[in-house]
Amino acid sequence: MSLISYQGYLKNGRFIPLENKNIEVLKNAKVIVTILPEEKPEKHSRSEFIGSWKDKIWIADDFNEPLEDMKEYME
C-alpha cells in the first residue's frame, strides 16, 4: 500500500490543493484529513532589534580610506 499526500486548504467544505496537479481519485479509497492551525508569523517589537548586532559586527578604522588597488583610478 502506498500513501499519497497533498497540501492545500479547505474552503466551503471543498479541498483546494496548493499545487496545480491532478489529484488521483481512487474508487473506495480511505481518506484521512488532518487540519492544521493557521500559522501566523511572530511579531517582534522594534525594541528587540535595536542593538541586536552590538558586538557582532565591526567596521575597520580605515573603512573610508581609498583601496590600494583603486589608487590609480582615484587620482
PDB file of N, CA and C in Angstrom:
ATOM      1  N   MET A   1       0.846  -1.173   0.000  1.00  0.00           N
ATOM      2  CA  MET A   1       0.000   0.000   0.000  1.00  0.00           C
ATOM      3  C   MET A   1       0.896   1.242   0.000  1.00  0.00           C
ATOM      4  N   SER A   2       0.586   2.191  -0.846  1.00  0.00           N
ATOM      5  CA  SER A   2       1.342   3.435  -0.864  1.00  0.00           C
ATOM      6  C   SER A   2       0.413   4.580  -0.457  1.00  0.00           C
ATOM      7  N   LEU A   3       1.017   5.578   0.182  1.00  0.00           N
ATOM      8  CA  LEU A   3       0.251   6.736   0.621  1.00  0.00           C
ATOM      9  C   LEU A   3       0.529   7.902  -0.311  1.00  0.00           C
ATOM     10  N   ILE A   4      -0.468   8.716  -0.540  1.00  0.00           N
ATOM     11  CA  ILE A   4      -0.331   9.904  -1.372  1.00  0.00           C
ATOM     12  C   ILE A   4      -0.725  11.091  -0.511  1.00  0.00           C
ATOM     13  N   SER A   5       0.113  12.131  -0.479  1.00  0.00           N
ATOM     14  CA  SER A   5      -0.179  13.321   0.315  1.00  0.00           C
ATOM     15  C   SER A   5      -0.319  14.539  -0.578  1.00  0.00           C
ATOM     16  N   TYR A   6      -1.256  15.403  -0.238  1.00  0.00           N
ATOM     17  CA  TYR A   6      -1.460  16.654  -0.947  1.00  0.00           C
ATOM     18  C   TYR A   6      -1.591  17.768   0.082  1.00  0.00           C
ATOM     19  N   GLN A   7      -0.976  18.901  -0.174  1.00  0.00           N
ATOM     20  CA  GLN A   7      -1.147  20.064   0.688  1.00  0.00           C
ATOM     21  C   GLN A   7      -2.189  20.969   0.070  1.00  0.00           C
ATOM     22  N   GLY A   8      -2.975  21.600   0.917  1.00  0.00           N
ATOM     23  CA  GLY A   8      -3.989  22.505   0.422  1.00  0.00           C
ATOM     24  C   GLY A   8      -4.751  23.097   1.584  1.00  0.00           C
ATOM     25  N   TYR A   9      -5.925  23.602   1.302  1.00  0.00           N
ATOM     26  CA  TYR A   9      -6.760  24.170   2.355  1.00  0.00           C
ATOM     27  C   TYR A   9      -8.212  23.860   2.056  1.00  0.00           C
ATOM     28  N   LEU A  10      -9.026  23.957   3.104  1.00  0.00           N
ATOM     29  CA  LEU A  10     -10.462  23.733   2.953  1.00  0.00           C
ATOM     30  C   LEU A  10     -11.163  25.070   2.808  1.00  0.00           C
ATOM     31  N   LYS A  11     -12.038  25.166   1.820  1.00  0.00           N
ATOM     32  CA  LYS A  11     -12.827  26.377   1.617  1.00  0.00           C
ATOM     33  C   LYS A  11     -14.246  25.939   1.288  1.00  0.00           C
ATOM     34  N   ASN A  12     -15.175  26.342   2.134  1.00  0.00           N
ATOM     35  CA  ASN A  12     -16.582  25.968   1.955  1.00  0.00           C
ATOM     36  C   ASN A  12     -16.755  24.460   1.819  1.00  0.00           C
ATOM     37  N   GLY A  13     -15.998  23.715   2.614  1.00  0.00           N
ATOM     38  CA  GLY A  13     -16.127  22.260   2.609  1.00  0.00           C
ATOM     39  C   GLY A  13     -15.445  21.556   1.451  1.00  0.00           C
ATOM     40  N   ARG A  14     -14.700  22.288   0.626  1.00  0.00           N
ATOM     41  CA  ARG A  14     -14.009  21.679  -0.513  1.00  0.00           C
ATOM     42  C   ARG A  14     -12.508  21.799  -0.315  1.00  0.00           C
ATOM     43  N   PHE A  15     -11.789  20.812  -0.783  1.00  0.00           N
ATOM     44  CA  PHE A  15     -10.326  20.817  -0.696  1.00  0.00           C
ATOM     45  C   PHE A  15      -9.749  21.555  -1.899  1.00  0.00           C
ATOM     46  N   ILE A  16      -8.929  22.567  -1.631  1.00  0.00           N
ATOM     47  CA  ILE A  16      -8.258  23.334  -2.682  1.00  0.00           C
ATOM     48  C   ILE A  16      -6.765  23.035  -2.578  1.00  0.00           C
ATOM     49  N   PRO A  17      -6.191  22.326  -3.554  1.00  0.00           N
ATOM     50  CA  PRO A  17      -4.767  21.985  -3.461  1.00  0.00           C
ATOM     51  C   PRO A  17      -3.877  23.203  -3.680  1.00  0.00           C
ATOM     52  N   LEU A  18      -2.726  23.243  -2.975  1.00  0.00           N
ATOM     53  CA  LEU A  18      -1.760  24.324  -3.159  1.00  0.00           C
ATOM     54  C   LEU A  18      -0.989  24.145  -4.456  1.00  0.00           C
ATOM     55  N   GLU A  19      -0.743  22.910  -4.834  1.00  0.00           N
ATOM     56  CA  GLU A  19      -0.025  22.633  -6.075  1.00  0.00           C
ATOM     57  C   GLU A  19      -1.024  22.398  -7.193  1.00  0.00           C
ATOM     58  N   ASN A  20      -0.660  22.813  -8.379  1.00  0.00           N
ATOM     59  CA  ASN A  20      -1.554  22.672  -9.522  1.00  0.00           C
ATOM     60  C   ASN A  20      -1.292  21.330 -10.207  1.00  0.00           C
ATOM     61  N   LYS A  21      -1.721  20.259  -9.562  1.00  0.00           N
ATOM     62  CA  LYS A  21      -1.568  18.953 -10.188  1.00  0.00           C
ATOM     63  C   LYS A  21      -2.845  18.150  -9.971  1.00  0.00           C
ATOM     64  N   ASN A  22      -3.061  17.223 -10.829  1.00  0.00           N
ATOM     65  CA  ASN A  22      -4.270  16.415 -10.750  1.00  0.00           C
ATOM     66  C   ASN A  22      -4.232  15.512  -9.524  1.00  0.00           C
ATOM     67  N   ILE A  23      -5.328  15.479  -8.813  1.00  0.00           N
ATOM     68  CA  ILE A  23      -5.441  14.589  -7.667  1.00  0.00           C
ATOM     69  C   ILE A  23      -6.026  13.279  -8.158  1.00  0.00           C
ATOM     70  N   GLU A  24      -5.286  12.217  -7.896  1.00  0.00           N
ATOM     71  CA  GLU A  24      -5.748  10.901  -8.324  1.00  0.00           C
ATOM     72  C   GLU A  24      -6.940  10.485  -7.464  1.00  0.00           C
ATOM     73  N   VAL A  25      -8.015  10.120  -8.089  1.00  0.00           N
ATOM     74  CA  VAL A  25      -9.196   9.666  -7.368  1.00  0.00           C
ATOM     75  C   VAL A  25      -9.281   8.153  -7.523  1.00  0.00           C
ATOM     76  N   LEU A  26      -9.202   7.476  -6.418  1.00  0.00           N
ATOM     77  CA  LEU A  26      -9.274   6.021  -6.420  1.00  0.00           C
ATOM     78  C   LEU A  26     -10.636   5.597  -5.878  1.00  0.00           C
ATOM     79  N   LYS A  27     -11.267   4.661  -6.524  1.00  0.00           N
ATOM     80  CA  LYS A  27     -12.556   4.168  -6.042  1.00  0.00           C
ATOM     81  C   LYS A  27     -12.349   3.451  -4.713  1.00  0.00           C
ATOM     82  N   ASN A  28     -13.246   3.714  -3.794  1.00  0.00           N
ATOM     83  CA  ASN A  28     -13.228   3.084  -2.476  1.00  0.00           C
ATOM     84  C   ASN A  28     -11.935   3.356  -1.702  1.00  0.00           C
ATOM     85  N   ALA A  29     -11.327   4.502  -1.904  1.00  0.00           N
ATOM     86  CA  ALA A  29     -10.105   4.849  -1.181  1.00  0.00           C
ATOM     87  C   ALA A  29     -10.464   5.430   0.182  1.00  0.00           C
ATOM     88  N   LYS A  30      -9.663   5.089   1.186  1.00  0.00           N
ATOM     89  CA  LYS A  30      -9.837   5.685   2.503  1.00  0.00           C
ATOM     90  C   LYS A  30      -9.099   7.021   2.512  1.00  0.00           C
ATOM     91  N   VAL A  31      -9.688   8.001   3.184  1.00  0.00           N
ATOM     92  CA  VAL A  31      -9.109   9.340   3.233  1.00  0.00           C
ATOM     93  C   VAL A  31      -8.979   9.756   4.689  1.00  0.00           C
ATOM     94  N   ILE A  32      -7.821  10.320   5.034  1.00  0.00           N
ATOM     95  CA  ILE A  32      -7.601  10.872   6.366  1.00  0.00           C
ATOM     96  C   ILE A  32      -7.365  12.368   6.193  1.00  0.00           C
ATOM     97  N   VAL A  33      -8.116  13.172   6.919  1.00  0.00           N
ATOM     98  CA  VAL A  33      -7.960  14.623   6.841  1.00  0.00           C
ATOM     99  C   VAL A  33      -7.365  15.102   8.158  1.00  0.00           C
ATOM    100  N   THR A  34      -6.250  15.814   8.071  1.00  0.00           N
ATOM    101  CA  THR A  34      -5.621  16.413   9.242  1.00  0.00           C
ATOM    102  C   THR A  34      -5.710  17.922   9.086  1.00  0.00           C
ATOM    103  N   ILE A  35      -6.337  18.579  10.032  1.00  0.00           N
ATOM    104  CA  ILE A  35      -6.490  20.024   9.955  1.00  0.00           C
ATOM    105  C   ILE A  35      -5.436  20.665  10.856  1.00  0.00           C
ATOM    106  N   LEU A  36      -4.590  21.501  10.247  1.00  0.00           N
ATOM    107  CA  LEU A  36      -3.535  22.185  10.978  1.00  0.00           C
ATOM    108  C   LEU A  36      -3.984  23.610  11.286  1.00  0.00           C
ATOM    109  N   PRO A  37      -3.622  24.130  12.448  1.00  0.00           N
ATOM    110  CA  PRO A  37      -3.986  25.520  12.736  1.00  0.00           C
ATOM    111  C   PRO A  37      -3.247  26.464  11.804  1.00  0.00           C
ATOM    112  N   GLU A  38      -3.894  27.576  11.497  1.00  0.00           N
ATOM    113  CA  GLU A  38      -3.283  28.564  10.606  1.00  0.00           C
ATOM    114  C   GLU A  38      -2.041  29.132  11.269  1.00  0.00           C
ATOM    115  N   GLU A  39      -0.944  29.162  10.524  1.00  0.00           N
ATOM    116  CA  GLU A  39       0.301  29.699  11.060  1.00  0.00           C
ATOM    117  C   GLU A  39       0.326  31.207  10.877  1.00  0.00           C
ATOM    118  N   LYS A  40       0.578  31.897  11.943  1.00  0.00           N
ATOM    119  CA  LYS A  40       0.696  33.352  11.870  1.00  0.00           C
ATOM    120  C   LYS A  40       2.139  33.705  12.221  1.00  0.00           C
ATOM    121  N   PRO A  41       2.746  34.582  11.433  1.00  0.00           N
ATOM    122  CA  PRO A  41       4.132  34.940  11.723  1.00  0.00           C
ATOM    123  C   PRO A  41       4.239  35.646  13.077  1.00  0.00           C
ATOM    124  N   GLU A  42       5.341  35.356  13.762  1.00  0.00           N
ATOM    125  CA  GLU A  42       5.565  36.011  15.040  1.00  0.00           C
ATOM    126  C   GLU A  42       5.859  37.489  14.812  1.00  0.00           C
ATOM    127  N   LYS A  43       5.288  38.317  15.649  1.00  0.00           N
ATOM    128  CA  LYS A  43       5.546  39.752  15.548  1.00  0.00           C
ATOM    129  C   LYS A  43       6.594  40.110  16.596  1.00  0.00           C
ATOM    130  N   HIS A  44       7.606  40.798  16.144  1.00  0.00           N
ATOM    131  CA  HIS A  44       8.651  41.253  17.048  1.00  0.00           C
ATOM    132  C   HIS A  44       8.534  42.764  17.201  1.00  0.00           C
ATOM    133  N   SER A  45       8.773  43.201  18.396  1.00  0.00           N
ATOM    134  CA  SER A  45       8.745  44.642  18.602  1.00  0.00           C
ATOM    135  C   SER A  45      10.049  45.244  18.087  1.00  0.00           C
ATOM    136  N   ARG A  46       9.993  46.491  17.713  1.00  0.00           N
ATOM    137  CA  ARG A  46      11.168  47.186  17.192  1.00  0.00           C
ATOM    138  C   ARG A  46      12.297  47.196  18.213  1.00  0.00           C
ATOM    139  N   SER A  47      11.945  47.276  19.487  1.00  0.00           N
ATOM    140  CA  SER A  47      12.968  47.350  20.527  1.00  0.00           C
ATOM    141  C   SER A  47      13.784  46.068  20.623  1.00  0.00           C
ATOM    142  N   GLU A  48      13.241  44.939  20.146  1.00  0.00           N
ATOM    143  CA  GLU A  48      14.004  43.691  20.164  1.00  0.00           C
ATOM    144  C   GLU A  48      15.171  43.736  19.187  1.00  0.00           C
ATOM    145  N   PHE A  49      15.047  44.528  18.118  1.00  0.00           N
ATOM    146  CA  PHE A  49      16.073  44.579  17.092  1.00  0.00           C
ATOM    147  C   PHE A  49      17.117  45.659  17.345  1.00  0.00           C
ATOM    148  N   ILE A  50      16.740  46.693  18.074  1.00  0.00           N
ATOM    149  CA  ILE A  50      17.674  47.788  18.329  1.00  0.00           C
ATOM    150  C   ILE A  50      18.835  47.256  19.163  1.00  0.00           C
ATOM    151  N   GLY A  51      20.020  47.382  18.618  1.00  0.00           N
ATOM    152  CA  GLY A  51      21.215  46.931  19.330  1.00  0.00           C
ATOM    153  C   GLY A  51      21.461  45.438  19.267  1.00  0.00           C
ATOM    154  N   SER A  52      20.669  44.701  18.496  1.00  0.00           N
ATOM    155  CA  SER A  52      20.833  43.247  18.462  1.00  0.00           C
ATOM    156  C   SER A  52      22.130  42.807  17.777  1.00  0.00           C
ATOM    157  N   TRP A  53      22.762  43.695  16.979  1.00  0.00           N
ATOM    158  CA  TRP A  53      24.017  43.354  16.310  1.00  0.00           C
ATOM    159  C   TRP A  53      25.244  43.859  17.081  1.00  0.00           C
ATOM    160  N   LYS A  54      25.009  44.472  18.238  1.00  0.00           N
ATOM    161  CA  LYS A  54      26.111  45.011  19.026  1.00  0.00           C
ATOM    162  C   LYS A  54      27.108  43.897  19.349  1.00  0.00           C
ATOM    163  N   ASP A  55      28.385  44.191  19.156  1.00  0.00           N
ATOM    164  CA  ASP A  55      29.498  43.257  19.411  1.00  0.00           C
ATOM    165  C   ASP A  55      29.523  42.070  18.445  1.00  0.00           C
ATOM    166  N   LYS A  56      28.701  42.092  17.401  1.00  0.00           N
ATOM    167  CA  LYS A  56      28.708  41.016  16.413  1.00  0.00           C
ATOM    168  C   LYS A  56      29.336  41.465  15.100  1.00  0.00           C
ATOM    169  N   ILE A  57      29.298  42.762  14.822  1.00  0.00           N
ATOM    170  CA  ILE A  57      29.918  43.287  13.612  1.00  0.00           C
ATOM    171  C   ILE A  57      30.805  44.463  13.993  1.00  0.00           C
ATOM    172  N   TRP A  58      31.737  44.794  13.104  1.00  0.00           N
ATOM    173  CA  TRP A  58      32.596  45.944  13.348  1.00  0.00           C
ATOM    174  C   TRP A  58      32.978  46.546  12.006  1.00  0.00           C
ATOM    175  N   ILE A  59      33.377  47.795  12.037  1.00  0.00           N
ATOM    176  CA  ILE A  59      33.824  48.489  10.836  1.00  0.00           C
ATOM    177  C   ILE A  59      35.273  48.892  11.066  1.00  0.00           C
ATOM    178  N   ALA A  60      36.120  48.552  10.118  1.00  0.00           N
ATOM    179  CA  ALA A  60      37.543  48.863  10.238  1.00  0.00           C
ATOM    180  C   ALA A  60      37.754  50.371  10.332  1.00  0.00           C
ATOM    181  N   ASP A  61      38.812  50.764  11.039  1.00  0.00           N
ATOM    182  CA  ASP A  61      39.119  52.191  11.199  1.00  0.00           C
ATOM    183  C   ASP A  61      39.384  52.864   9.860  1.00  0.00           C
ATOM    184  N   ASP A  62      39.938  52.129   8.912  1.00  0.00           N
ATOM    185  CA  ASP A  62      40.265  52.711   7.605  1.00  0.00           C
ATOM    186  C   ASP A  62      39.188  52.416   6.544  1.00  0.00           C
ATOM    187  N   PHE A  63      37.970  52.206   6.968  1.00  0.00           N
ATOM    188  CA  PHE A  63      36.881  51.836   6.065  1.00  0.00           C
ATOM    189  C   PHE A  63      36.718  52.828   4.908  1.00  0.00           C
ATOM    190  N   ASN A  64      36.809  54.111   5.178  1.00  0.00           N
ATOM    191  CA  ASN A  64      36.594  55.132   4.149  1.00  0.00           C
ATOM    192  C   ASN A  64      37.852  55.498   3.364  1.00  0.00           C
ATOM    193  N   GLU A  65      38.973  54.901   3.707  1.00  0.00           N
ATOM    194  CA  GLU A  65      40.220  55.187   3.002  1.00  0.00           C
ATOM    195  C   GLU A  65      40.190  54.517   1.624  1.00  0.00           C
ATOM    196  N   PRO A  66      40.833  55.145   0.614  1.00  0.00           N
ATOM    197  CA  PRO A  66      40.876  54.525  -0.722  1.00  0.00           C
ATOM    198  C   PRO A  66      41.639  53.198  -0.695  1.00  0.00           C
ATOM    199  N   LEU A  67      41.202  52.267  -1.497  1.00  0.00           N
ATOM    200  CA  LEU A  67      41.865  50.970  -1.599  1.00  0.00           C
ATOM    201  C   LEU A  67      43.134  51.104  -2.431  1.00  0.00           C
ATOM    202  N   GLU A  68      44.162  50.350  -2.070  1.00  0.00           N
ATOM    203  CA  GLU A  68      45.430  50.379  -2.811  1.00  0.00           C
ATOM    204  C   GLU A  68      45.186  50.059  -4.291  1.00  0.00           C
ATOM    205  N   ASP A  69      44.361  49.081  -4.563  1.00  0.00           N
ATOM    206  CA  ASP A  69      44.106  48.650  -5.933  1.00  0.00           C
ATOM    207  C   ASP A  69      43.417  49.730  -6.766  1.00  0.00           C
ATOM    208  N   MET A  70      42.752  50.671  -6.118  1.00  0.00           N
ATOM    209  CA  MET A  70      41.976  51.677  -6.841  1.00  0.00           C
ATOM    210  C   MET A  70      42.670  53.038  -6.911  1.00  0.00           C
ATOM    211  N   LYS A  71      43.855  53.157  -6.308  1.00  0.00           N
ATOM    212  CA  LYS A  71      44.509  54.452  -6.234  1.00  0.00           C
ATOM    213  C   LYS A  71      44.721  55.076  -7.614  1.00  0.00           C
ATOM    214  N   GLU A  72      45.120  54.281  -8.619  1.00  0.00           N
ATOM    215  CA  GLU A  72      45.373  54.836  -9.961  1.00  0.00           C
ATOM    216  C   GLU A  72      44.100  55.435 -10.575  1.00  0.00           C
ATOM    217  N   TYR A  73      42.951  54.938 -10.211  1.00  0.00           N
ATOM    218  CA  TYR A  73      41.685  55.468 -10.754  1.00  0.00           C
ATOM    219  C   TYR A  73      41.203  56.685  -9.973  1.00  0.00           C
ATOM    220  N   MET A  74      41.657  56.838  -8.749  1.00  0.00           N
ATOM    221  CA  MET A  74      41.209  57.929  -7.871  1.00  0.00           C
ATOM    222  C   MET A  74      41.997  59.231  -8.092  1.00  0.00           C
ATOM    223  N   GLU A  75      43.132  59.154  -8.759  1.00  0.00           N
ATOM    224  CA  GLU A  75      43.976  60.345  -8.921  1.00  0.00           C
ATOM    225  C   GLU A  75      43.554  61.167 -10.101  1.00  0.00           C
TER     226      GLU A  75
END
